[in-house]
Amino acid sequence: MKVVLIHGKYFNSWEALGLAYIGAYLKANMENIEIDFYQGCFDSIDTIISGCRGADFVAFSCTTPTFPFALNVSSELKKIFPSIKTVVGGYHPSAAPNECQLDNIDHVIIGEGEAAMLDLLKASQEKVIMGRTMDFCELPWPDRELIKNERNIQVAYRDNKKRITSFQSHRGCPFMCKYCADGYFKVLYGSSKEAPVRYRSVGDLLDEMQHVAKEYKLDLMKFTDPTWNTNINWVKEFCKEKIRRNFSVPFYPNIHAGVCTEEMFQLMAEANCYEIAVGIESGSQKILDQIGKGTTVEKIKNSVMLAKKAKLLVRGYFILGMPEENEEDLMQTEKLAEELELDEYGFTILCPYPGTQMYDLEKFKSINWENADEYSNDFWSSNHVKNNRLKEWQTHFIQKFKKKLTWHNLAIDKHA
């Protein structure tokens, strides 16, 4: 059996870690299977379609902005190879499965894809297949050779002069942020508010990190987890074991400001944490409460202070245009951004992706998601601030903090 896995096209390329897990799981549980991989950021549509010749299944991993790419490629595939079965999975199909049941799509996978994809290849004829929660003990390490991880590392080196790749430490998120697909509705890693967070064995995670760091000569290791410090005891165990192993390659996680202690940051520093990224979002407590952020302005200030005390670099992300945000709230965000004196700043405009509480099918069904994301969209306004004004605020922030912008904002600013 031949299976082709495809990762979509987006201005910001990243390693297809989810497909690397699926590929490794299929190889471990099926005999006589051939798996190929293509990525829209590196491979032309002609190359992808040519590589699908003789395939039984072609599966696309889709975020909302990359779903149009999957539709385009699947349409071309069906014209040339009508017998190929096409599959979509990932965040967008999990959030909006009904919108993905189209003529050129044979199967839609909702949730985690490893066991669901295996069921499909072995027997399932269902149009929509529900994935199940996967425990890390049943998952092999992601197949980085399959997904040609070196290409992404080269991009990271070009942009940052560091060889960087990512790891997953747990699945699921306990927080209920209304603007995030991993938040209130938990579309990928659980269908209920009580979806379990599954933590990876510290030993197994560090074994993989050490192997990959040596194999790919890494300068920095990132985590794909939307929030890395959901369990402080796990964080401390990880850091202590990394220190015990004398494993010195630095790492970089996303941190929730509501779950931080001085001891945690000190241990992270000892374990050679290079930088942390904090989702600050707003300087207005009213807005933080309304979006279900689960923290306070004071906790944000304290967490940044403690991180700096531990001599960690701090990157802060801000989202403009939350539904009830007004000009006064934006001024409070500017004040907080100044006060924090971060090492890096990122400023985006809310994008109401499917799977978030901000999404409205009827209101946004005509949106061309291929050209709409959190860095630039022409349709979102808060209830008090119009889209053009939000863009003015974003430009203002970008100019004000120009010397400390994240790579993504720099790329957008240069393009503009």
Protein backbone atom coordinates (compact mmCIF):
# COMPACT_ATOMS: atom_id res chain seq x y z
CA MET A 1 0.00 0.00 0.00
CA LYS A 2 1.24 3.48 -0.86
CA VAL A 3 0.30 6.48 1.27
CA VAL A 4 1.29 10.09 0.62
CA LEU A 5 1.20 12.60 3.47
CA ILE A 6 1.01 16.29 2.54
CA HIS A 7 1.61 19.38 4.67
CA GLY A 8 0.11 22.58 3.30
CA LYS A 9 1.59 25.88 2.19
CA TYR A 10 1.88 28.92 4.45
CA PHE A 11 4.24 31.90 4.56
CA ASN A 12 5.76 30.51 7.76
CA SER A 13 7.01 26.97 7.20
CA TRP A 14 7.25 24.62 10.17
CA GLU A 15 8.04 20.94 10.56
CA ALA A 16 5.05 18.66 10.03
CA LEU A 17 5.38 17.00 13.43
CA GLY A 18 1.82 15.66 13.42
CA LEU A 19 2.39 13.87 10.11
CA ALA A 20 5.75 12.61 11.41
CA TYR A 21 3.88 10.95 14.31
CA ILE A 22 1.26 9.50 11.95
CA GLY A 23 3.91 8.19 9.56
CA ALA A 24 5.87 6.55 12.37
CA TYR A 25 2.70 5.01 13.84
CA LEU A 26 1.60 3.57 10.49
CA LYS A 27 5.04 2.06 9.86
CA ALA A 28 5.04 0.49 13.32
CA ASN A 29 1.59 -1.07 12.87
CA MET A 30 1.42 -2.06 9.18
CA GLU A 31 3.49 -4.27 6.95
CA ASN A 32 4.22 -3.60 3.29
CA ILE A 33 3.45 0.11 3.48
CA GLU A 34 5.23 2.82 1.49
CA ILE A 35 4.89 6.37 2.81
CA ASP A 36 5.96 9.52 0.97
CA PHE A 37 5.79 13.11 2.16
CA TYR A 38 5.51 16.52 0.49
CA GLN A 39 5.26 20.05 1.85
CA GLY A 40 3.74 22.97 -0.02
CA CYS A 41 6.41 25.41 1.17
CA PHE A 42 9.13 23.39 -0.55
CA ASP A 43 7.47 21.23 -3.21
CA SER A 44 5.57 22.50 -6.25
CA ILE A 45 2.07 21.25 -6.97
CA ASP A 46 3.42 19.46 -10.05
CA THR A 47 6.01 17.68 -7.90
CA ILE A 48 3.37 16.71 -5.35
CA ILE A 49 0.93 15.37 -7.93
CA SER A 50 3.68 13.44 -9.71
CA GLY A 51 4.71 11.92 -6.36
CA CYS A 52 1.15 10.73 -5.75
CA ARG A 53 1.20 8.42 -8.79
CA GLY A 54 0.31 4.92 -7.66
CA ALA A 55 -0.89 6.04 -4.23
CA ASP A 56 -3.85 4.39 -2.54
CA PHE A 57 -4.39 7.25 -0.07
CA VAL A 58 -3.28 10.88 -0.05
CA ALA A 59 -3.75 12.61 3.32
CA PHE A 60 -3.52 16.34 4.00
CA SER A 61 -2.80 17.94 7.37
CA CYS A 62 -4.77 21.20 7.38
CA THR A 63 -4.91 24.35 9.41
CA THR A 64 -7.61 26.79 8.30
CA PRO A 65 -5.27 28.94 6.12
CA THR A 66 -3.81 25.82 4.43
CA PHE A 67 -7.15 24.08 3.75
CA PRO A 68 -7.63 25.85 0.37
CA PHE A 69 -4.25 24.43 -0.70
CA ALA A 70 -5.48 20.92 0.16
CA LEU A 71 -8.66 21.47 -1.86
CA ASN A 72 -6.67 22.71 -4.85
CA VAL A 73 -4.26 19.77 -4.84
CA SER A 74 -7.00 17.18 -4.19
CA SER A 75 -9.02 18.58 -7.10
CA GLU A 76 -6.06 18.23 -9.45
CA LEU A 77 -5.31 14.75 -8.13
CA LYS A 78 -8.85 13.54 -8.78
CA LYS A 79 -8.66 14.70 -12.39
CA ILE A 80 -5.49 12.73 -13.04
CA PHE A 81 -5.79 9.81 -10.58
CA PRO A 82 -9.53 9.43 -9.83
CA SER A 83 -9.08 6.18 -7.89
CA ILE A 84 -6.91 7.78 -5.19
CA LYS A 85 -8.69 8.21 -1.86
CA THR A 86 -8.16 11.70 -0.43
CA VAL A 87 -8.14 12.39 3.32
CA VAL A 88 -8.07 15.61 5.34
CA GLY A 89 -7.27 15.94 9.03
CA GLY A 90 -5.81 18.40 11.52
CA TYR A 91 -7.19 21.54 13.11
CA HIS A 92 -9.50 22.76 10.35
CA PRO A 93 -11.24 19.45 9.55
CA SER A 94 -11.57 18.74 13.28
CA ALA A 95 -13.16 22.15 13.86
CA ALA A 96 -15.37 22.24 10.76
CA PRO A 97 -15.92 18.66 9.51
CA ASN A 98 -19.17 19.45 7.72
CA GLU A 99 -17.46 22.10 5.61
CA CYS A 100 -14.82 19.53 4.57
CA GLN A 101 -17.22 16.92 3.17
CA LEU A 102 -16.73 17.94 -0.45
CA ASP A 103 -16.65 16.09 -3.78
CA ASN A 104 -12.87 15.86 -3.92
CA ILE A 105 -12.50 14.75 -0.29
CA ASP A 106 -13.22 11.08 0.45
CA HIS A 107 -12.54 10.99 4.20
CA VAL A 108 -12.42 13.50 7.06
CA ILE A 109 -10.54 12.67 10.27
CA ILE A 110 -11.56 14.49 13.45
CA GLY A 111 -9.11 14.75 16.33
CA GLU A 112 -5.84 12.86 16.73
CA GLY A 113 -4.91 11.14 13.53
CA GLU A 114 -2.67 8.16 14.32
CA ALA A 115 -5.19 5.43 15.21
CA ALA A 116 -7.86 6.95 12.93
CA MET A 117 -5.54 6.82 9.92
CA LEU A 118 -4.58 3.23 10.72
CA ASP A 119 -8.26 2.24 10.93
CA LEU A 120 -8.90 3.91 7.58
CA LEU A 121 -6.06 2.12 5.83
CA LYS A 122 -7.04 -1.26 7.26
CA ALA A 123 -10.79 -1.32 6.85
CA SER A 124 -12.88 1.74 7.58
CA GLN A 125 -15.15 3.04 4.83
CA GLU A 126 -16.64 5.85 6.91
CA LYS A 127 -16.73 9.31 5.41
CA VAL A 128 -16.01 10.88 8.81
CA ILE A 129 -13.67 9.07 11.20
CA MET A 130 -13.32 10.02 14.84
CA GLY A 131 -9.80 9.86 16.16
CA ARG A 132 -9.18 8.70 19.71
CA THR A 133 -6.93 10.12 22.40
CA MET A 134 -3.46 8.67 22.10
CA ASP A 135 -1.11 7.93 24.99
CA PHE A 136 2.55 8.67 24.40
CA CYS A 137 3.50 5.15 25.47
CA GLU A 138 1.85 3.81 22.29
CA LEU A 139 3.43 6.40 20.00
CA PRO A 140 6.84 5.90 18.40
CA TRP A 141 9.05 8.94 18.06
CA PRO A 142 8.01 11.10 15.09
CA ASP A 143 9.70 10.13 11.84
CA ARG A 144 11.77 13.23 11.09
CA GLU A 145 13.51 11.69 8.10
CA LEU A 146 10.11 11.10 6.49
CA ILE A 147 9.11 14.77 6.82
CA LYS A 148 12.53 15.97 5.61
CA ASN A 149 13.08 17.90 8.82
CA GLU A 150 16.41 19.25 7.60
CA ARG A 151 14.59 21.58 5.18
CA ASN A 152 12.80 23.32 8.05
CA ILE A 153 16.00 23.51 10.06
CA GLN A 154 17.67 25.25 7.13
CA VAL A 155 14.85 27.82 7.03
CA ALA A 156 15.27 28.44 10.77
CA TYR A 157 19.01 28.89 10.29
CA ARG A 158 18.47 31.31 7.42
CA ASP A 159 16.11 33.43 9.51
CA ASN A 160 17.69 33.12 12.97
CA LYS A 161 21.23 31.80 12.41
CA LYS A 162 20.29 28.86 14.64
CA ARG A 163 19.51 25.25 13.79
CA ILE A 164 16.11 24.76 15.44
CA THR A 165 13.45 22.10 15.50
CA SER A 166 10.47 21.24 17.72
CA PHE A 167 9.26 18.59 20.12
CA GLN A 168 5.91 17.73 21.69
CA SER A 169 5.87 17.22 25.45
CA HIS A 170 2.14 16.73 26.05
CA ARG A 171 -1.23 16.70 24.33
CA GLY A 172 -4.17 18.79 25.40
CA CYS A 173 -4.52 22.08 27.27
CA PRO A 174 -6.40 22.71 30.55
CA PHE A 175 -7.04 26.39 29.80
CA MET A 176 -10.26 27.69 28.26
CA CYS A 177 -9.16 30.61 26.09
CA LYS A 178 -12.03 31.56 23.80
CA TYR A 179 -9.85 32.66 20.88
CA CYS A 180 -7.88 29.40 20.64
CA ALA A 181 -8.79 26.08 19.01
CA ASP A 182 -6.89 24.29 21.79
CA GLY A 183 -8.86 26.30 24.35
CA TYR A 184 -12.61 26.27 24.94
CA PHE A 185 -13.65 23.66 22.34
CA LYS A 186 -10.38 21.65 22.31
CA VAL A 187 -10.97 20.54 18.75
CA LEU A 188 -7.87 18.42 18.17
CA TYR A 189 -6.91 16.83 21.48
CA GLY A 190 -10.31 16.24 23.04
CA SER A 191 -13.95 17.02 22.37
CA SER A 192 -14.99 18.03 25.88
CA LYS A 193 -14.04 20.66 28.40
CA GLU A 194 -12.70 17.84 30.58
CA ALA A 195 -10.37 16.52 27.86
CA PRO A 196 -7.38 14.94 29.61
CA VAL A 197 -3.94 16.47 29.30
CA ARG A 198 -1.52 13.64 28.55
CA TYR A 199 2.04 14.24 29.66
CA ARG A 200 4.96 12.55 28.03
CA SER A 201 7.49 10.63 30.11
CA VAL A 202 10.35 13.01 30.90
CA GLY A 203 12.86 10.24 30.24
CA ASP A 204 11.41 9.37 26.82
CA LEU A 205 11.16 13.03 25.81
CA LEU A 206 14.75 13.79 26.76
CA ASP A 207 15.95 10.61 25.05
CA GLU A 208 14.39 11.86 21.82
CA MET A 209 15.66 15.41 22.30
CA GLN A 210 19.22 14.22 22.87
CA HIS A 211 19.08 11.93 19.86
CA VAL A 212 17.66 14.60 17.55
CA ALA A 213 19.99 17.33 18.88
CA LYS A 214 22.98 15.15 18.04
CA GLU A 215 21.60 13.86 14.73
CA TYR A 216 20.69 17.32 13.42
CA LYS A 217 23.35 19.36 15.26
CA LEU A 218 20.74 21.60 16.90
CA ASP A 219 21.46 25.00 18.41
CA LEU A 220 18.00 25.39 20.00
CA MET A 221 15.02 23.15 20.77
CA LYS A 222 11.45 24.46 20.75
CA PHE A 223 8.20 22.94 21.98
CA THR A 224 5.03 22.75 19.89
CA ASP A 225 2.86 22.70 23.02
CA PRO A 226 0.57 25.76 23.10
CA THR A 227 1.30 25.93 26.85
CA TRP A 228 4.33 24.10 28.20
CA ASN A 229 4.03 24.77 31.93
CA THR A 230 0.53 23.34 32.52
CA ASN A 231 1.99 21.20 35.32
CA ILE A 232 4.77 22.80 37.38
CA ASN A 233 5.84 19.48 38.91
CA TRP A 234 6.35 18.03 35.42
CA VAL A 235 8.38 21.12 34.42
CA LYS A 236 10.60 20.76 37.47
CA GLU A 237 11.10 17.04 36.81
CA PHE A 238 12.07 17.79 33.21
CA CYS A 239 14.57 20.47 34.21
CA LYS A 240 16.15 18.39 36.96
CA GLU A 241 16.61 15.43 34.62
CA LYS A 242 18.02 17.63 31.85
CA ILE A 243 20.51 19.06 34.36
CA ARG A 244 21.37 15.56 35.66
CA ARG A 245 22.11 14.41 32.12
CA ASN A 246 24.33 17.45 31.54
CA PHE A 247 22.33 18.01 28.37
CA SER A 248 23.25 21.58 27.54
CA VAL A 249 21.42 22.37 24.27
CA PRO A 250 19.10 25.30 25.10
CA PHE A 251 15.32 25.13 24.81
CA TYR A 252 12.43 27.53 24.31
CA PRO A 253 8.80 26.95 25.49
CA ASN A 254 5.46 28.79 25.56
CA ILE A 255 4.57 29.82 29.09
CA HIS A 256 1.21 30.66 30.72
CA ALA A 257 1.68 33.59 33.08
CA GLY A 258 -0.90 32.23 35.53
CA VAL A 259 1.19 29.13 36.32
CA CYS A 260 4.65 30.35 37.25
CA THR A 261 6.88 30.25 40.31
CA GLU A 262 10.34 31.60 41.04
CA GLU A 263 11.63 28.06 41.64
CA MET A 264 10.29 26.93 38.26
CA PHE A 265 12.08 29.74 36.40
CA GLN A 266 15.32 29.21 38.31
CA LEU A 267 15.31 25.52 37.42
CA MET A 268 14.53 26.34 33.80
CA ALA A 269 17.51 28.69 33.74
CA GLU A 270 19.78 26.01 35.24
CA ALA A 271 18.53 23.59 32.57
CA ASN A 272 19.61 26.18 29.95
CA CYS A 273 16.25 27.57 28.91
CA TYR A 274 17.14 30.20 26.33
CA GLU A 275 13.89 32.16 26.14
CA ILE A 276 10.22 31.92 27.07
CA ALA A 277 7.20 33.11 25.09
CA VAL A 278 4.26 34.47 27.08
CA GLY A 279 0.78 34.93 25.62
CA ILE A 280 0.01 38.31 27.17
CA GLU A 281 -2.77 39.23 24.70
CA SER A 282 -4.02 42.40 26.45
CA GLY A 283 -3.15 44.92 29.12
CA SER A 284 -6.81 45.22 30.09
CA GLN A 285 -8.06 42.99 32.89
CA LYS A 286 -11.57 43.33 31.49
CA ILE A 287 -10.43 41.78 28.22
CA LEU A 288 -8.38 39.04 29.90
CA ASP A 289 -11.48 38.04 31.86
CA GLN A 290 -13.78 38.14 28.84
CA ILE A 291 -11.55 35.89 26.73
CA GLY A 292 -11.07 33.31 29.48
CA LYS A 293 -7.31 33.82 29.66
CA GLY A 294 -7.07 32.49 33.20
CA THR A 295 -4.61 35.08 34.45
CA THR A 296 -4.36 38.70 35.58
CA VAL A 297 -2.32 41.73 34.60
CA GLU A 298 -0.50 41.48 37.92
CA LYS A 299 0.37 37.82 37.35
CA ILE A 300 1.70 38.71 33.92
CA LYS A 301 3.91 41.42 35.43
CA ASN A 302 5.09 39.06 38.15
CA SER A 303 5.88 36.18 35.80
CA VAL A 304 7.92 38.46 33.52
CA MET A 305 9.75 39.87 36.54
CA LEU A 306 10.57 36.37 37.84
CA ALA A 307 11.74 35.22 34.41
CA LYS A 308 14.02 38.24 34.08
CA LYS A 309 15.33 37.61 37.58
CA ALA A 310 16.33 34.14 36.38
CA LYS A 311 18.03 35.84 33.40
CA LEU A 312 15.70 34.33 30.81
CA LEU A 313 14.85 36.21 27.63
CA VAL A 314 11.12 37.00 27.42
CA ARG A 315 9.02 37.23 24.27
CA GLY A 316 5.48 38.57 24.60
CA TYR A 317 2.55 38.05 22.24
CA PHE A 318 -0.32 40.54 22.04
CA ILE A 319 -3.63 40.07 20.19
CA LEU A 320 -5.52 43.20 19.14
CA GLY A 321 -9.25 43.28 18.53
CA MET A 322 -10.81 41.01 21.14
CA PRO A 323 -14.62 41.29 20.80
CA GLU A 324 -15.23 43.82 23.57
CA GLU A 325 -11.95 45.69 23.18
CA ASN A 326 -12.16 49.47 22.83
CA GLU A 327 -9.63 52.28 22.45
CA GLU A 328 -9.11 52.53 26.21
CA ASP A 329 -8.29 48.82 26.41
CA LEU A 330 -5.76 49.22 23.58
CA MET A 331 -4.12 52.09 25.44
CA GLN A 332 -3.86 49.84 28.51
CA THR A 333 -2.17 47.22 26.30
CA GLU A 334 0.33 49.82 25.11
CA LYS A 335 1.05 50.86 28.68
CA LEU A 336 1.65 47.26 29.77
CA ALA A 337 3.84 46.54 26.73
CA GLU A 338 6.03 49.52 27.65
CA GLU A 339 6.18 48.62 31.33
CA LEU A 340 7.21 45.00 30.76
CA GLU A 341 10.31 45.95 28.71
CA LEU A 342 10.32 42.60 26.91
CA ASP A 343 13.15 41.25 24.78
CA GLU A 344 10.78 40.52 21.86
CA TYR A 345 7.29 41.63 20.92
CA GLY A 346 4.66 40.16 18.61
CA PHE A 347 1.45 41.99 17.62
CA THR A 348 -1.38 40.31 15.75
CA ILE A 349 -5.06 40.97 15.05
CA LEU A 350 -7.63 38.46 16.22
CA CYS A 351 -8.54 35.95 13.51
CA PRO A 352 -11.76 34.03 14.35
CA TYR A 353 -10.69 30.60 13.14
CA PRO A 354 -13.16 27.71 13.09
CA GLY A 355 -12.91 25.88 16.41
CA THR A 356 -12.79 29.08 18.47
CA GLN A 357 -15.67 30.81 20.22
CA MET A 358 -15.17 33.81 17.95
CA TYR A 359 -16.08 31.85 14.81
CA ASP A 360 -19.48 32.36 13.20
CA LEU A 361 -20.17 30.08 10.21
CA GLU A 362 -22.82 32.29 8.62
CA LYS A 363 -20.86 35.47 9.13
CA PHE A 364 -17.51 34.16 7.87
CA LYS A 365 -18.46 31.44 5.36
CA SER A 366 -17.31 33.56 2.38
CA ILE A 367 -13.87 34.35 3.83
CA ASN A 368 -10.89 33.30 1.72
CA TRP A 369 -8.88 31.77 4.55
CA GLU A 370 -5.83 31.32 2.35
CA ASN A 371 -5.30 35.09 2.58
CA ALA A 372 -6.56 35.64 6.12
CA ASP A 373 -4.68 35.00 9.32
CA GLU A 374 -3.74 36.70 12.57
CA TYR A 375 -0.97 38.74 10.95
CA SER A 376 -3.21 40.41 8.43
CA ASN A 377 -6.92 40.15 7.73
CA ASP A 378 -9.35 42.62 6.22
CA PHE A 379 -12.59 41.53 7.84
CA TRP A 380 -12.30 41.33 11.63
CA SER A 381 -13.43 44.22 13.84
CA SER A 382 -14.11 44.30 17.54
CA ASN A 383 -17.50 45.52 18.70
CA HIS A 384 -15.95 48.94 19.23
CA VAL A 385 -12.92 49.22 16.91
CA LYS A 386 -13.13 48.78 13.14
CA ASN A 387 -10.67 46.68 11.14
CA ASN A 388 -8.83 49.64 9.61
CA ARG A 389 -8.33 51.15 13.06
CA LEU A 390 -7.04 47.83 14.44
CA LYS A 391 -4.51 47.81 11.62
CA GLU A 392 -3.48 51.34 12.54
CA TRP A 393 -2.90 50.17 16.11
CA GLN A 394 -0.93 47.16 14.88
CA THR A 395 1.24 49.43 12.70
CA HIS A 396 1.71 51.78 15.66
CA PHE A 397 2.91 48.95 17.89
CA ILE A 398 5.18 47.54 15.17
CA GLN A 399 6.82 50.92 14.65
CA LYS A 400 7.10 51.61 18.37
CA PHE A 401 8.79 48.29 19.15
CA LYS A 402 10.52 47.88 15.80
CA LYS A 403 13.91 47.05 17.30
CA LYS A 404 12.42 44.20 19.31
CA LEU A 405 9.91 42.61 16.94
CA THR A 406 9.49 38.86 16.50
CA TRP A 407 10.60 37.40 13.19
CA HIS A 408 6.98 37.00 12.04
CA ASN A 409 6.14 40.67 12.55
CA LEU A 410 9.40 41.69 10.90
CA ALA A 411 8.53 39.58 7.86
CA ILE A 412 5.09 41.17 7.60
CA ASP A 413 6.51 44.66 8.08
CA LYS A 414 9.13 44.16 5.33
CA HIS A 415 6.48 42.78 2.98
CA ALA A 416 4.25 45.80 3.61
